C-alpha atoms as a PDB file:
ATOM      1  CA  MET A   1      16.576  -0.581 -31.954  1.00  0.00           C
ATOM      2  CA  LYS A   2      17.410  -0.868 -28.586  1.00  0.00           C
ATOM      3  CA  VAL A   3      16.465  -3.468 -26.089  1.00  0.00           C
ATOM      4  CA  LYS A   4      16.086  -3.515 -22.343  1.00  0.00           C
ATOM      5  CA  HIS A   5      15.184  -5.997 -20.004  1.00  0.00           C
ATOM      6  CA  PHE A   6      14.025  -6.173 -16.648  1.00  0.00           C
ATOM      7  CA  GLU A   7      13.340  -9.553 -14.517  1.00  0.00           C
ATOM      8  CA  LEU A   8      10.405  -8.911 -12.498  1.00  0.00           C
ATOM      9  CA  ASN A   9       7.665 -10.826 -10.207  1.00  0.00           C
ATOM     10  CA  PRO A  10       7.849 -14.200  -8.354  1.00  0.00           C
ATOM     11  CA  PHE A  11       8.278 -16.086 -11.732  1.00  0.00           C
ATOM     12  CA  ARG A  12      11.470 -13.985 -12.881  1.00  0.00           C
ATOM     13  CA  GLU A  13       9.552 -12.867 -15.883  1.00  0.00           C
ATOM     14  CA  ASN A  14      11.476 -11.058 -18.690  1.00  0.00           C
ATOM     15  CA  THR A  15       9.961  -7.361 -19.408  1.00  0.00           C
ATOM     16  CA  TYR A  16      11.090  -5.717 -22.327  1.00  0.00           C
ATOM     17  CA  VAL A  17      11.224  -1.798 -23.521  1.00  0.00           C
ATOM     18  CA  LEU A  18      12.008  -1.363 -26.980  1.00  0.00           C
ATOM     19  CA  TYR A  19      13.241   1.891 -28.206  1.00  0.00           C
ATOM     20  CA  ASP A  20      14.889   3.783 -30.935  1.00  0.00           C
ATOM     21  CA  GLU A  21      16.530   7.319 -31.759  1.00  0.00           C
ATOM     22  CA  THR A  22      13.009   8.870 -32.024  1.00  0.00           C
ATOM     23  CA  LYS A  23      12.214   8.248 -28.104  1.00  0.00           C
ATOM     24  CA  GLN A  24       9.452   6.443 -28.901  1.00  0.00           C
ATOM     25  CA  CYS A  25       9.265   2.824 -26.981  1.00  0.00           C
ATOM     26  CA  VAL A  26       6.929  -0.073 -26.704  1.00  0.00           C
ATOM     27  CA  ILE A  27       6.495  -2.096 -23.538  1.00  0.00           C
ATOM     28  CA  ILE A  28       6.428  -6.044 -24.238  1.00  0.00           C
ATOM     29  CA  ASP A  29       4.915  -8.237 -21.374  1.00  0.00           C
ATOM     30  CA  PRO A  30       5.025  -5.925 -18.181  1.00  0.00           C
ATOM     31  CA  GLY A  31       5.502  -8.557 -15.486  1.00  0.00           C
ATOM     32  CA  CYS A  32       5.639  -5.719 -12.488  1.00  0.00           C
ATOM     33  CA  TYR A  33       3.968  -6.992  -9.552  1.00  0.00           C
ATOM     34  CA  ASP A  34       4.253  -4.753  -6.997  1.00  0.00           C
ATOM     35  CA  PRO A  35       4.694  -0.821  -6.588  1.00  0.00           C
ATOM     36  CA  SER A  36       8.453  -1.033  -6.359  1.00  0.00           C
ATOM     37  CA  GLU A  37       8.641  -3.065  -9.521  1.00  0.00           C
ATOM     38  CA  GLU A  38       6.285  -0.432 -11.188  1.00  0.00           C
ATOM     39  CA  ARG A  39       8.842   2.234 -10.077  1.00  0.00           C
ATOM     40  CA  ILE A  40      11.800   0.287 -11.635  1.00  0.00           C
ATOM     41  CA  LEU A  41      10.030   0.214 -14.918  1.00  0.00           C
ATOM     42  CA  SER A  42       8.433   3.611 -15.167  1.00  0.00           C
ATOM     43  CA  GLY A  43      11.836   5.028 -13.812  1.00  0.00           C
ATOM     44  CA  PHE A  44      13.776   3.782 -16.552  1.00  0.00           C
ATOM     45  CA  ILE A  45      11.029   5.014 -19.233  1.00  0.00           C
ATOM     46  CA  GLU A  46      11.118   8.299 -17.563  1.00  0.00           C
ATOM     47  CA  GLU A  47      15.138   8.710 -17.238  1.00  0.00           C
ATOM     48  CA  GLN A  48      15.416   7.877 -20.774  1.00  0.00           C
ATOM     49  CA  GLN A  49      12.739  10.294 -21.910  1.00  0.00           C
ATOM     50  CA  LEU A  50      11.129   7.826 -23.666  1.00  0.00           C
ATOM     51  CA  ASN A  51       7.384   7.902 -25.116  1.00  0.00           C
ATOM     52  CA  PRO A  52       5.639   4.953 -24.821  1.00  0.00           C
ATOM     53  CA  VAL A  53       3.313   4.332 -27.827  1.00  0.00           C
ATOM     54  CA  ALA A  54       2.372   0.648 -27.156  1.00  0.00           C
ATOM     55  CA  LEU A  55       1.507  -2.112 -24.795  1.00  0.00           C
ATOM     56  CA  LEU A  56       2.191  -5.398 -26.614  1.00  0.00           C
ATOM     57  CA  ASN A  57       1.979  -9.058 -24.782  1.00  0.00           C
ATOM     58  CA  THR A  58       3.400 -11.942 -26.270  1.00  0.00           C
ATOM     59  CA  HIS A  59       0.878 -14.256 -24.716  1.00  0.00           C
ATOM     60  CA  CYS A  60      -1.349 -13.781 -21.608  1.00  0.00           C
ATOM     61  CA  HIS A  61       0.027 -16.176 -18.599  1.00  0.00           C
ATOM     62  CA  ILE A  62      -0.256 -13.894 -15.693  1.00  0.00           C
ATOM     63  CA  ASP A  63       3.542 -13.777 -15.035  1.00  0.00           C
ATOM     64  CA  HIS A  64       3.591 -11.418 -18.598  1.00  0.00           C
ATOM     65  CA  ILE A  65       0.160  -9.608 -17.844  1.00  0.00           C
ATOM     66  CA  PHE A  66       0.852  -8.428 -13.862  1.00  0.00           C
ATOM     67  CA  GLY A  67       1.470  -4.986 -15.050  1.00  0.00           C
ATOM     68  CA  ASN A  68      -0.985  -4.424 -17.882  1.00  0.00           C
ATOM     69  CA  HIS A  69      -3.116  -2.533 -15.750  1.00  0.00           C
ATOM     70  CA  PHE A  70      -0.211  -0.299 -14.409  1.00  0.00           C
ATOM     71  CA  ILE A  71       1.265   0.616 -17.768  1.00  0.00           C
ATOM     72  CA  ALA A  72      -2.262   0.989 -19.213  1.00  0.00           C
ATOM     73  CA  ALA A  73      -3.356   3.608 -16.796  1.00  0.00           C
ATOM     74  CA  ARG A  74      -0.009   5.203 -16.477  1.00  0.00           C
ATOM     75  CA  TYR A  75       0.662   5.679 -20.190  1.00  0.00           C
ATOM     76  CA  LYS A  76      -2.976   5.670 -21.346  1.00  0.00           C
ATOM     77  CA  LEU A  77      -2.422   2.759 -23.488  1.00  0.00           C
ATOM     78  CA  ILE A  78      -4.563  -0.423 -24.449  1.00  0.00           C
ATOM     79  CA  PRO A  79      -2.986  -3.811 -24.348  1.00  0.00           C
ATOM     80  CA  GLN A  80      -2.697  -5.619 -27.739  1.00  0.00           C
ATOM     81  CA  ILE A  81      -2.702  -9.041 -27.977  1.00  0.00           C
ATOM     82  CA  HIS A  82      -3.470 -12.183 -30.353  1.00  0.00           C
ATOM     83  CA  PRO A  83      -7.164 -13.145 -30.660  1.00  0.00           C
ATOM     84  CA  MET A  84      -6.363 -16.752 -29.255  1.00  0.00           C
ATOM     85  CA  GLU A  85      -5.215 -15.142 -26.152  1.00  0.00           C
ATOM     86  CA  LYS A  86      -8.373 -13.491 -25.331  1.00  0.00           C
ATOM     87  CA  ALA A  87      -9.656 -16.335 -23.206  1.00  0.00           C
ATOM     88  CA  ILE A  88      -6.463 -16.539 -21.146  1.00  0.00           C
ATOM     89  CA  LEU A  89      -6.354 -12.995 -20.601  1.00  0.00           C
ATOM     90  CA  ALA A  90      -9.920 -13.253 -18.951  1.00  0.00           C
ATOM     91  CA  SER A  91      -8.741 -16.105 -16.656  1.00  0.00           C
ATOM     92  CA  ALA A  92      -5.845 -14.136 -15.119  1.00  0.00           C
ATOM     93  CA  THR A  93      -7.580 -13.629 -11.937  1.00  0.00           C
ATOM     94  CA  MET A  94      -8.724 -17.015 -11.401  1.00  0.00           C
ATOM     95  CA  VAL A  95      -5.268 -18.631 -12.246  1.00  0.00           C
ATOM     96  CA  GLY A  96      -3.772 -16.018  -9.948  1.00  0.00           C
ATOM     97  CA  GLU A  97      -5.712 -17.315  -7.104  1.00  0.00           C
ATOM     98  CA  MET A  98      -4.425 -20.937  -7.944  1.00  0.00           C
ATOM     99  CA  TYR A  99      -0.971 -19.702  -7.271  1.00  0.00           C
ATOM    100  CA  GLY A 100      -2.137 -17.381  -4.320  1.00  0.00           C
ATOM    101  CA  LEU A 101      -1.124 -14.204  -5.994  1.00  0.00           C
ATOM    102  CA  ASP A 102      -3.217 -11.372  -6.466  1.00  0.00           C
ATOM    103  CA  VAL A 103      -3.830 -10.182  -9.932  1.00  0.00           C
ATOM    104  CA  THR A 104      -5.248  -7.039 -10.547  1.00  0.00           C
ATOM    105  CA  PRO A 105      -7.365  -7.698 -13.920  1.00  0.00           C
ATOM    106  CA  SER A 106      -5.972  -6.300 -17.200  1.00  0.00           C
ATOM    107  CA  PRO A 107      -7.805  -3.906 -18.939  1.00  0.00           C
ATOM    108  CA  GLU A 108      -9.735  -5.133 -21.955  1.00  0.00           C
ATOM    109  CA  ALA A 109      -7.350  -5.912 -24.969  1.00  0.00           C
ATOM    110  CA  GLU A 110      -7.369  -4.823 -28.605  1.00  0.00           C
ATOM    111  CA  THR A 111      -7.059  -8.319 -30.169  1.00  0.00           C
ATOM    112  CA  SER A 112      -4.916  -6.742 -33.130  1.00  0.00           C
ATOM    113  CA  LEU A 113      -1.840  -8.742 -33.335  1.00  0.00           C
ATOM    114  CA  ALA A 114      -1.709 -11.114 -36.339  1.00  0.00           C
ATOM    115  CA  ASP A 115       0.841 -13.598 -37.899  1.00  0.00           C
ATOM    116  CA  ASN A 116       3.081 -11.827 -40.624  1.00  0.00           C
ATOM    117  CA  GLY A 117       1.677  -8.510 -39.169  1.00  0.00           C
ATOM    118  CA  ILE A 118       3.955  -5.587 -39.107  1.00  0.00           C
ATOM    119  CA  PHE A 119       3.802  -3.119 -35.816  1.00  0.00           C
ATOM    120  CA  ASN A 120       5.904  -0.028 -36.544  1.00  0.00           C
ATOM    121  CA  PHE A 121       6.842   2.712 -34.051  1.00  0.00           C
ATOM    122  CA  GLY A 122       9.471   5.490 -34.535  1.00  0.00           C
ATOM    123  CA  ASN A 123      11.841   4.579 -37.037  1.00  0.00           C
ATOM    124  CA  THR A 124      11.509   0.734 -36.066  1.00  0.00           C
ATOM    125  CA  THR A 125       9.697  -1.987 -37.921  1.00  0.00           C
ATOM    126  CA  LEU A 126       8.814  -5.174 -36.088  1.00  0.00           C
ATOM    127  CA  LYS A 127       7.303  -8.353 -37.672  1.00  0.00           C
ATOM    128  CA  MET A 128       4.843 -10.560 -36.037  1.00  0.00           C
ATOM    129  CA  LEU A 129       5.141 -14.222 -35.802  1.00  0.00           C
ATOM    130  CA  LEU A 130       2.586 -16.486 -34.388  1.00  0.00           C
ATOM    131  CA  VAL A 131       4.424 -19.556 -33.145  1.00  0.00           C
ATOM    132  CA  PRO A 132       1.572 -21.400 -31.043  1.00  0.00           C
ATOM    133  CA  GLY A 133       2.308 -24.494 -28.766  1.00  0.00           C
ATOM    134  CA  HIS A 134       3.121 -22.810 -25.240  1.00  0.00           C
ATOM    135  CA  SER A 135      -0.231 -20.875 -25.665  1.00  0.00           C
ATOM    136  CA  PRO A 136      -2.619 -20.533 -28.317  1.00  0.00           C
ATOM    137  CA  GLY A 137      -1.913 -17.017 -29.551  1.00  0.00           C
ATOM    138  CA  SER A 138       1.950 -16.812 -28.743  1.00  0.00           C
ATOM    139  CA  ILE A 139       3.424 -13.900 -30.713  1.00  0.00           C
ATOM    140  CA  CYS A 140       7.254 -13.038 -31.308  1.00  0.00           C
ATOM    141  CA  PHE A 141       8.342  -9.720 -32.290  1.00  0.00           C
ATOM    142  CA  TYR A 142      11.068  -9.734 -35.090  1.00  0.00           C
ATOM    143  CA  HIS A 143      13.390  -6.838 -35.854  1.00  0.00           C
ATOM    144  CA  GLU A 144      15.164  -8.007 -38.974  1.00  0.00           C
ATOM    145  CA  ALA A 145      17.447  -4.744 -39.032  1.00  0.00           C
ATOM    146  CA  SER A 146      19.345  -5.736 -35.941  1.00  0.00           C
ATOM    147  CA  LYS A 147      18.506  -9.333 -35.917  1.00  0.00           C
ATOM    148  CA  GLN A 148      16.769  -9.341 -32.581  1.00  0.00           C
ATOM    149  CA  ILE A 149      13.599 -11.204 -31.682  1.00  0.00           C
ATOM    150  CA  ILE A 150      11.506 -11.057 -28.451  1.00  0.00           C
ATOM    151  CA  GLY A 151      10.108 -14.553 -28.210  1.00  0.00           C
ATOM    152  CA  GLY A 152       7.842 -14.796 -24.960  1.00  0.00           C
ATOM    153  CA  ASP A 153       7.696 -18.278 -23.549  1.00  0.00           C
ATOM    154  CA  VAL A 154       8.623 -20.266 -26.906  1.00  0.00           C
ATOM    155  CA  LEU A 155      12.109 -20.724 -26.949  1.00  0.00           C
ATOM    156  CA  PHE A 156      14.637 -20.682 -24.235  1.00  0.00           C
ATOM    157  CA  GLN A 157      18.452 -21.041 -24.128  1.00  0.00           C
ATOM    158  CA  GLU A 158      18.473 -24.940 -24.654  1.00  0.00           C
ATOM    159  CA  SER A 159      14.886 -25.415 -23.842  1.00  0.00           C
ATOM    160  CA  ILE A 160      11.507 -24.538 -24.665  1.00  0.00           C
ATOM    161  CA  GLY A 161       8.137 -23.338 -22.971  1.00  0.00           C
ATOM    162  CA  ARG A 162       6.207 -25.306 -21.096  1.00  0.00           C
ATOM    163  CA  THR A 163       3.268 -27.279 -22.589  1.00  0.00           C
ATOM    164  CA  ASP A 164       1.236 -28.464 -19.676  1.00  0.00           C
ATOM    165  CA  LEU A 165      -0.931 -25.133 -19.383  1.00  0.00           C
ATOM    166  CA  PRO A 166      -4.375 -24.877 -20.919  1.00  0.00           C
ATOM    167  CA  GLY A 167      -4.058 -24.492 -24.532  1.00  0.00           C
ATOM    168  CA  GLY A 168      -0.231 -25.950 -24.581  1.00  0.00           C
ATOM    169  CA  ASP A 169       0.717 -28.767 -26.967  1.00  0.00           C
ATOM    170  CA  MET A 170       4.169 -30.000 -27.351  1.00  0.00           C
ATOM    171  CA  GLN A 171       3.968 -31.111 -30.964  1.00  0.00           C
ATOM    172  CA  THR A 172       2.364 -27.810 -31.733  1.00  0.00           C
ATOM    173  CA  LEU A 173       5.323 -25.871 -30.051  1.00  0.00           C
ATOM    174  CA  LEU A 174       8.194 -27.948 -31.652  1.00  0.00           C
ATOM    175  CA  ARG A 175       6.648 -27.848 -35.291  1.00  0.00           C
ATOM    176  CA  SER A 176       6.364 -23.828 -34.701  1.00  0.00           C
ATOM    177  CA  ILE A 177       9.669 -23.283 -33.827  1.00  0.00           C
ATOM    178  CA  LYS A 178      10.948 -25.262 -36.682  1.00  0.00           C
ATOM    179  CA  ASP A 179       8.829 -23.721 -39.026  1.00  0.00           C
ATOM    180  CA  LYS A 180       8.747 -20.078 -37.685  1.00  0.00           C
ATOM    181  CA  LEU A 181      11.908 -19.495 -36.017  1.00  0.00           C
ATOM    182  CA  PHE A 182      14.579 -21.839 -37.373  1.00  0.00           C
ATOM    183  CA  VAL A 183      14.154 -20.189 -40.670  1.00  0.00           C
ATOM    184  CA  LEU A 184      15.607 -17.096 -39.333  1.00  0.00           C
ATOM    185  CA  PRO A 185      19.224 -16.519 -39.768  1.00  0.00           C
ATOM    186  CA  ASP A 186      21.403 -18.363 -37.369  1.00  0.00           C
ATOM    187  CA  ASP A 187      22.789 -14.955 -35.717  1.00  0.00           C
ATOM    188  CA  VAL A 188      19.561 -13.808 -34.824  1.00  0.00           C
ATOM    189  CA  THR A 189      19.335 -13.012 -30.991  1.00  0.00           C
ATOM    190  CA  VAL A 190      16.307 -14.516 -29.238  1.00  0.00           C
ATOM    191  CA  PHE A 191      15.367 -12.760 -26.103  1.00  0.00           C
ATOM    192  CA  PRO A 192      13.187 -14.995 -24.164  1.00  0.00           C
ATOM    193  CA  GLY A 193      10.489 -14.519 -21.465  1.00  0.00           C
ATOM    194  CA  HIS A 194      12.609 -16.296 -18.951  1.00  0.00           C
ATOM    195  CA  GLY A 195      16.487 -16.408 -18.324  1.00  0.00           C
ATOM    196  CA  GLY A 196      19.054 -14.834 -20.622  1.00  0.00           C
ATOM    197  CA  PRO A 197      19.230 -14.632 -24.355  1.00  0.00           C
ATOM    198  CA  THR A 198      20.368 -17.142 -27.016  1.00  0.00           C
ATOM    199  CA  THR A 199      20.761 -17.281 -30.896  1.00  0.00           C
ATOM    200  CA  ILE A 200      18.711 -19.269 -33.397  1.00  0.00           C
ATOM    201  CA  GLY A 201      21.932 -20.975 -34.494  1.00  0.00           C
ATOM    202  CA  HIS A 202      22.724 -21.956 -30.914  1.00  0.00           C
ATOM    203  CA  GLU A 203      19.516 -23.695 -30.289  1.00  0.00           C
ATOM    204  CA  LYS A 204      19.546 -25.452 -33.616  1.00  0.00           C
ATOM    205  CA  ASN A 205      22.720 -27.207 -32.592  1.00  0.00           C
ATOM    206  CA  TYR A 206      22.317 -27.639 -28.794  1.00  0.00           C
ATOM    207  CA  ASN A 207      18.548 -27.375 -27.622  1.00  0.00           C
ATOM    208  CA  PRO A 208      17.898 -31.056 -26.800  1.00  0.00           C
ATOM    209  CA  TYR A 209      14.323 -30.570 -27.342  1.00  0.00           C
ATOM    210  CA  LEU A 210      14.907 -29.665 -31.095  1.00  0.00           C
ATOM    211  CA  THR A 211      18.152 -31.554 -32.137  1.00  0.00           C
ATOM    212  CA  ASP A 212      16.132 -34.776 -32.240  1.00  0.00           C
ATOM    213  CA  ALA A 213      14.375 -35.417 -35.638  1.00  0.00           C
ATOM    214  CA  SER A 214      11.796 -37.699 -33.802  1.00  0.00           C
ATOM    215  CA  ALA A 215      10.447 -34.810 -31.742  1.00  0.00           C
ATOM    216  CA  PHE A 216       8.813 -33.689 -35.237  1.00  0.00           C
ATOM    217  CA  THR A 217       6.990 -36.997 -36.093  1.00  0.00           C
ATOM    218  CA  ALA A 218       3.473 -36.782 -36.470  1.00  0.00           C
END
């Protein structure tokens, strides 16, 4: 499986295209905010002669769903989210107004993503891991064969997702990371929703939010 990333929109969000030798691909968290960013994302897909078969959202904060309407219309795809993200997706336009940003409403999503579920495309199998805390229904997509995970805004390089937004909770996030991500091999590469990639082993050893045992007290 190959991973292509694009840094888009005013929040510098990471949009991902996953694809394999079959030329099927999935688009995760399309953050394209304006026509120039739409051209960047679609241009890569078309230059590589990829066939988009799914639109997946790790979670539904506005920076991760700006491009849902564009991708859904261009490739005839329905966004797929975890059920716990439905209310957050519905509030996107209102949240955009708070930031002074126009948000074209996302198409209604299928609430089909589930903890420990499997998503297949081409010759690729992704395992879905529910890792709440930044957002109630945050899903990470793990490709065990290549030891790569698309993590959304859960775990960053020596940091974690913010927990001061509606539905966020610090203790839930810390526990989720420990129970769902830190059980993976140390050499798994984490592709986060913002910033550069990291590894599970690096974060176990150097993430200040997660190396303090007191962070996991009840």
